[in-house]
Amino acid sequence: MLGIKEYESMAMLDLDDSERDKLGRCFDAITAGFEALEQVCTDGVEPLVTVLNLCNVMRDDVAKKLLTRDEILANAPEEYDGFFKVPGTLA
């Protein structure tokens, strides 16, 4: 199991001793909670995906051509050679 200093390093944090102690106590409490859960007997218990009694309504996945390229580009502030023209983002 990783210690607080390893987590601090992975998260690129620079904690002082009081912050490190506080975080350590929080991790200890979380770990204790998981250790308590490990003690629960789940033999014969079916895995539960959801507690809701709902079912997704699915529709057929049918490709449709809804708009033409010209109709789509009509809303573009700028276009070039049949494509949206946008400002560059990489230098």
N, C-alpha and C. Protein backbone atom coordinates (compact mmCIF):
# COMPACT_ATOMS: atom_id res chain seq x y z
N MET A 1 0.84 -1.18 0.00
CA MET A 1 0.00 0.00 0.00
C MET A 1 0.89 1.24 0.00
N LEU A 2 0.48 2.24 -0.77
CA LEU A 2 1.27 3.45 -0.89
C LEU A 2 1.11 4.31 0.36
N GLY A 3 2.16 5.05 0.68
CA GLY A 3 2.10 5.99 1.78
C GLY A 3 1.73 7.37 1.29
N ILE A 4 1.53 8.27 2.24
CA ILE A 4 1.12 9.63 1.92
C ILE A 4 2.15 10.31 1.02
N LYS A 5 3.43 10.10 1.26
CA LYS A 5 4.45 10.77 0.45
C LYS A 5 4.40 10.30 -1.00
N GLU A 6 4.07 9.02 -1.22
CA GLU A 6 3.95 8.53 -2.61
C GLU A 6 2.75 9.18 -3.31
N TYR A 7 1.62 9.28 -2.59
CA TYR A 7 0.45 9.94 -3.18
C TYR A 7 0.75 11.42 -3.44
N GLU A 8 1.43 12.04 -2.51
CA GLU A 8 1.80 13.45 -2.66
C GLU A 8 2.66 13.65 -3.91
N SER A 9 3.59 12.75 -4.11
CA SER A 9 4.47 12.83 -5.28
C SER A 9 3.69 12.62 -6.57
N MET A 10 2.82 11.59 -6.58
CA MET A 10 2.04 11.31 -7.80
C MET A 10 1.13 12.48 -8.16
N ALA A 11 0.57 13.15 -7.15
CA ALA A 11 -0.34 14.27 -7.41
C ALA A 11 0.41 15.59 -7.57
N MET A 12 1.74 15.52 -7.51
CA MET A 12 2.60 16.69 -7.63
C MET A 12 2.21 17.78 -6.64
N LEU A 13 2.03 17.34 -5.38
CA LEU A 13 1.70 18.27 -4.31
C LEU A 13 2.94 18.52 -3.46
N ASP A 14 2.93 19.63 -2.77
CA ASP A 14 4.00 19.94 -1.83
C ASP A 14 3.33 20.29 -0.51
N LEU A 15 3.07 19.27 0.31
CA LEU A 15 2.34 19.46 1.56
C LEU A 15 3.31 19.68 2.71
N ASP A 16 2.86 20.49 3.68
CA ASP A 16 3.66 20.60 4.89
C ASP A 16 3.27 19.45 5.82
N ASP A 17 3.97 19.33 6.94
CA ASP A 17 3.75 18.19 7.83
C ASP A 17 2.33 18.12 8.38
N SER A 18 1.72 19.27 8.70
CA SER A 18 0.36 19.25 9.26
C SER A 18 -0.65 18.79 8.20
N GLU A 19 -0.47 19.26 6.97
CA GLU A 19 -1.37 18.83 5.88
C GLU A 19 -1.18 17.33 5.60
N ARG A 20 0.06 16.89 5.65
CA ARG A 20 0.35 15.48 5.41
C ARG A 20 -0.27 14.60 6.49
N ASP A 21 -0.21 15.05 7.76
CA ASP A 21 -0.83 14.30 8.86
C ASP A 21 -2.35 14.24 8.71
N LYS A 22 -2.94 15.38 8.36
CA LYS A 22 -4.41 15.43 8.18
C LYS A 22 -4.84 14.50 7.05
N LEU A 23 -4.13 14.56 5.93
CA LEU A 23 -4.46 13.70 4.79
C LEU A 23 -4.25 12.23 5.15
N GLY A 24 -3.22 11.95 5.93
CA GLY A 24 -2.98 10.57 6.37
C GLY A 24 -4.13 10.04 7.21
N ARG A 25 -4.68 10.88 8.09
CA ARG A 25 -5.83 10.45 8.90
C ARG A 25 -7.05 10.19 8.02
N CYS A 26 -7.23 11.02 7.00
CA CYS A 26 -8.36 10.82 6.06
C CYS A 26 -8.19 9.49 5.31
N PHE A 27 -6.98 9.22 4.83
CA PHE A 27 -6.73 7.96 4.14
C PHE A 27 -6.94 6.77 5.07
N ASP A 28 -6.53 6.90 6.32
CA ASP A 28 -6.73 5.81 7.28
C ASP A 28 -8.22 5.53 7.49
N ALA A 29 -9.03 6.59 7.57
CA ALA A 29 -10.48 6.42 7.75
C ALA A 29 -11.09 5.75 6.52
N ILE A 30 -10.67 6.16 5.34
CA ILE A 30 -11.19 5.55 4.11
C ILE A 30 -10.80 4.07 4.05
N THR A 31 -9.55 3.78 4.37
CA THR A 31 -9.07 2.40 4.35
C THR A 31 -9.84 1.55 5.36
N ALA A 32 -10.09 2.11 6.54
CA ALA A 32 -10.85 1.37 7.56
C ALA A 32 -12.26 1.06 7.06
N GLY A 33 -12.86 1.99 6.33
CA GLY A 33 -14.19 1.75 5.78
C GLY A 33 -14.19 0.60 4.79
N PHE A 34 -13.18 0.54 3.93
CA PHE A 34 -13.10 -0.56 2.98
C PHE A 34 -12.80 -1.88 3.68
N GLU A 35 -11.99 -1.85 4.73
CA GLU A 35 -11.71 -3.07 5.48
C GLU A 35 -12.98 -3.60 6.13
N ALA A 36 -13.85 -2.70 6.60
CA ALA A 36 -15.13 -3.12 7.18
C ALA A 36 -16.00 -3.76 6.11
N LEU A 37 -15.99 -3.21 4.91
CA LEU A 37 -16.80 -3.78 3.82
C LEU A 37 -16.31 -5.16 3.42
N GLU A 38 -15.00 -5.39 3.54
CA GLU A 38 -14.45 -6.70 3.18
C GLU A 38 -14.95 -7.80 4.11
N GLN A 39 -15.40 -7.43 5.30
CA GLN A 39 -15.89 -8.41 6.27
C GLN A 39 -17.33 -8.85 5.99
N VAL A 40 -18.04 -8.13 5.14
CA VAL A 40 -19.44 -8.46 4.84
C VAL A 40 -19.50 -9.71 3.98
N CYS A 41 -20.31 -10.66 4.41
CA CYS A 41 -20.48 -11.91 3.65
C CYS A 41 -21.46 -11.67 2.50
N THR A 42 -20.99 -11.88 1.28
CA THR A 42 -21.84 -11.69 0.11
C THR A 42 -22.08 -12.99 -0.64
N ASP A 43 -21.84 -14.11 0.01
CA ASP A 43 -22.08 -15.41 -0.64
C ASP A 43 -23.54 -15.54 -1.01
N GLY A 44 -23.80 -15.90 -2.24
CA GLY A 44 -25.17 -16.12 -2.71
C GLY A 44 -25.92 -14.84 -3.04
N VAL A 45 -25.27 -13.71 -2.98
CA VAL A 45 -25.93 -12.44 -3.29
C VAL A 45 -25.63 -12.10 -4.75
N GLU A 46 -26.67 -11.91 -5.54
CA GLU A 46 -26.51 -11.55 -6.95
C GLU A 46 -25.99 -10.12 -7.07
N PRO A 47 -25.09 -9.88 -8.00
CA PRO A 47 -24.62 -8.50 -8.21
C PRO A 47 -25.79 -7.61 -8.63
N LEU A 48 -25.79 -6.38 -8.14
CA LEU A 48 -26.86 -5.44 -8.43
C LEU A 48 -26.33 -4.35 -9.35
N VAL A 49 -26.96 -4.21 -10.49
CA VAL A 49 -26.53 -3.20 -11.45
C VAL A 49 -27.21 -1.88 -11.14
N THR A 50 -28.48 -1.91 -10.81
CA THR A 50 -29.23 -0.70 -10.49
C THR A 50 -30.37 -1.05 -9.55
N VAL A 51 -30.78 -0.07 -8.77
CA VAL A 51 -31.92 -0.28 -7.88
C VAL A 51 -33.21 0.17 -8.54
N LEU A 52 -33.11 0.79 -9.70
CA LEU A 52 -34.29 1.28 -10.40
C LEU A 52 -34.88 0.17 -11.27
N ASN A 53 -36.19 0.15 -11.35
CA ASN A 53 -36.89 -0.84 -12.16
C ASN A 53 -37.23 -0.21 -13.51
N LEU A 54 -36.20 0.23 -14.23
CA LEU A 54 -36.40 0.88 -15.51
C LEU A 54 -35.71 0.09 -16.61
N CYS A 55 -36.19 0.26 -17.82
CA CYS A 55 -35.59 -0.41 -18.96
C CYS A 55 -35.39 0.63 -20.06
N ASN A 56 -34.23 0.63 -20.69
CA ASN A 56 -33.99 1.57 -21.78
C ASN A 56 -34.89 1.25 -22.96
N VAL A 57 -35.44 2.29 -23.54
CA VAL A 57 -36.22 2.14 -24.76
C VAL A 57 -35.27 2.37 -25.92
N MET A 58 -35.05 1.35 -26.70
CA MET A 58 -34.08 1.44 -27.79
C MET A 58 -34.83 1.59 -29.12
N ARG A 59 -34.20 2.29 -30.02
CA ARG A 59 -34.74 2.41 -31.37
C ARG A 59 -33.73 1.82 -32.34
N ASP A 60 -34.19 1.49 -33.51
CA ASP A 60 -33.30 0.97 -34.53
C ASP A 60 -32.28 2.03 -34.92
N ASP A 61 -31.06 1.63 -35.12
CA ASP A 61 -29.99 2.53 -35.52
C ASP A 61 -29.98 2.59 -37.04
N VAL A 62 -30.70 3.57 -37.56
CA VAL A 62 -30.84 3.71 -39.01
C VAL A 62 -30.20 5.03 -39.43
N ALA A 63 -29.27 4.95 -40.38
CA ALA A 63 -28.60 6.15 -40.86
C ALA A 63 -29.55 6.95 -41.74
N LYS A 64 -29.59 8.26 -41.51
CA LYS A 64 -30.42 9.15 -42.30
C LYS A 64 -29.58 10.36 -42.69
N LYS A 65 -29.81 10.87 -43.85
CA LYS A 65 -29.16 12.11 -44.25
C LYS A 65 -30.15 13.23 -43.99
N LEU A 66 -29.88 14.00 -42.95
CA LEU A 66 -30.83 15.02 -42.54
C LEU A 66 -30.58 16.37 -43.20
N LEU A 67 -29.31 16.78 -43.27
CA LEU A 67 -28.98 18.07 -43.85
C LEU A 67 -27.90 17.89 -44.91
N THR A 68 -27.92 18.74 -45.87
CA THR A 68 -26.86 18.72 -46.88
C THR A 68 -25.67 19.52 -46.36
N ARG A 69 -24.53 19.34 -46.98
CA ARG A 69 -23.33 20.08 -46.58
C ARG A 69 -23.58 21.59 -46.71
N ASP A 70 -24.23 22.00 -47.78
CA ASP A 70 -24.49 23.42 -47.99
C ASP A 70 -25.40 23.98 -46.90
N GLU A 71 -26.39 23.20 -46.48
CA GLU A 71 -27.28 23.65 -45.41
C GLU A 71 -26.53 23.81 -44.09
N ILE A 72 -25.62 22.90 -43.82
CA ILE A 72 -24.83 22.97 -42.59
C ILE A 72 -23.88 24.16 -42.64
N LEU A 73 -23.18 24.32 -43.75
CA LEU A 73 -22.21 25.40 -43.88
C LEU A 73 -22.86 26.77 -43.98
N ALA A 74 -24.15 26.82 -44.24
CA ALA A 74 -24.85 28.10 -44.30
C ALA A 74 -24.81 28.80 -42.95
N ASN A 75 -24.67 28.07 -41.86
CA ASN A 75 -24.60 28.64 -40.52
C ASN A 75 -23.17 28.93 -40.07
N ALA A 76 -22.19 28.56 -40.85
CA ALA A 76 -20.79 28.74 -40.46
C ALA A 76 -20.38 30.19 -40.64
N PRO A 77 -19.66 30.77 -39.66
CA PRO A 77 -19.17 32.13 -39.84
C PRO A 77 -18.19 32.21 -41.02
N GLU A 78 -17.37 31.17 -41.17
CA GLU A 78 -16.45 31.09 -42.31
C GLU A 78 -16.34 29.64 -42.75
N GLU A 79 -16.14 29.46 -44.05
CA GLU A 79 -15.91 28.12 -44.57
C GLU A 79 -14.86 28.17 -45.65
N TYR A 80 -14.18 27.04 -45.83
CA TYR A 80 -13.13 26.95 -46.84
C TYR A 80 -13.20 25.58 -47.47
N ASP A 81 -13.38 25.54 -48.77
CA ASP A 81 -13.36 24.29 -49.53
C ASP A 81 -14.35 23.26 -48.99
N GLY A 82 -15.52 23.73 -48.56
CA GLY A 82 -16.56 22.81 -48.09
C GLY A 82 -16.43 22.40 -46.64
N PHE A 83 -15.56 23.07 -45.86
CA PHE A 83 -15.36 22.74 -44.45
C PHE A 83 -15.49 24.00 -43.61
N PHE A 84 -15.77 23.82 -42.30
CA PHE A 84 -15.74 24.95 -41.39
C PHE A 84 -14.32 25.48 -41.31
N LYS A 85 -14.17 26.78 -41.29
CA LYS A 85 -12.86 27.39 -41.12
C LYS A 85 -12.82 27.98 -39.70
N VAL A 86 -11.84 27.53 -38.94
CA VAL A 86 -11.71 27.97 -37.55
C VAL A 86 -10.31 28.50 -37.32
N PRO A 87 -10.14 29.33 -36.28
CA PRO A 87 -8.80 29.83 -35.97
C PRO A 87 -7.88 28.68 -35.57
N GLY A 88 -6.61 28.81 -35.89
CA GLY A 88 -5.64 27.80 -35.48
C GLY A 88 -5.49 27.76 -33.97
N THR A 89 -5.21 26.60 -33.43
CA THR A 89 -5.06 26.45 -31.98
C THR A 89 -3.66 26.03 -31.58
N LEU A 90 -2.85 25.59 -32.52
CA LEU A 90 -1.49 25.18 -32.21
C LEU A 90 -0.51 26.16 -32.82
N ALA A 91 0.54 26.43 -32.07
CA ALA A 91 1.55 27.38 -32.55
C ALA A 91 2.64 26.66 -33.30
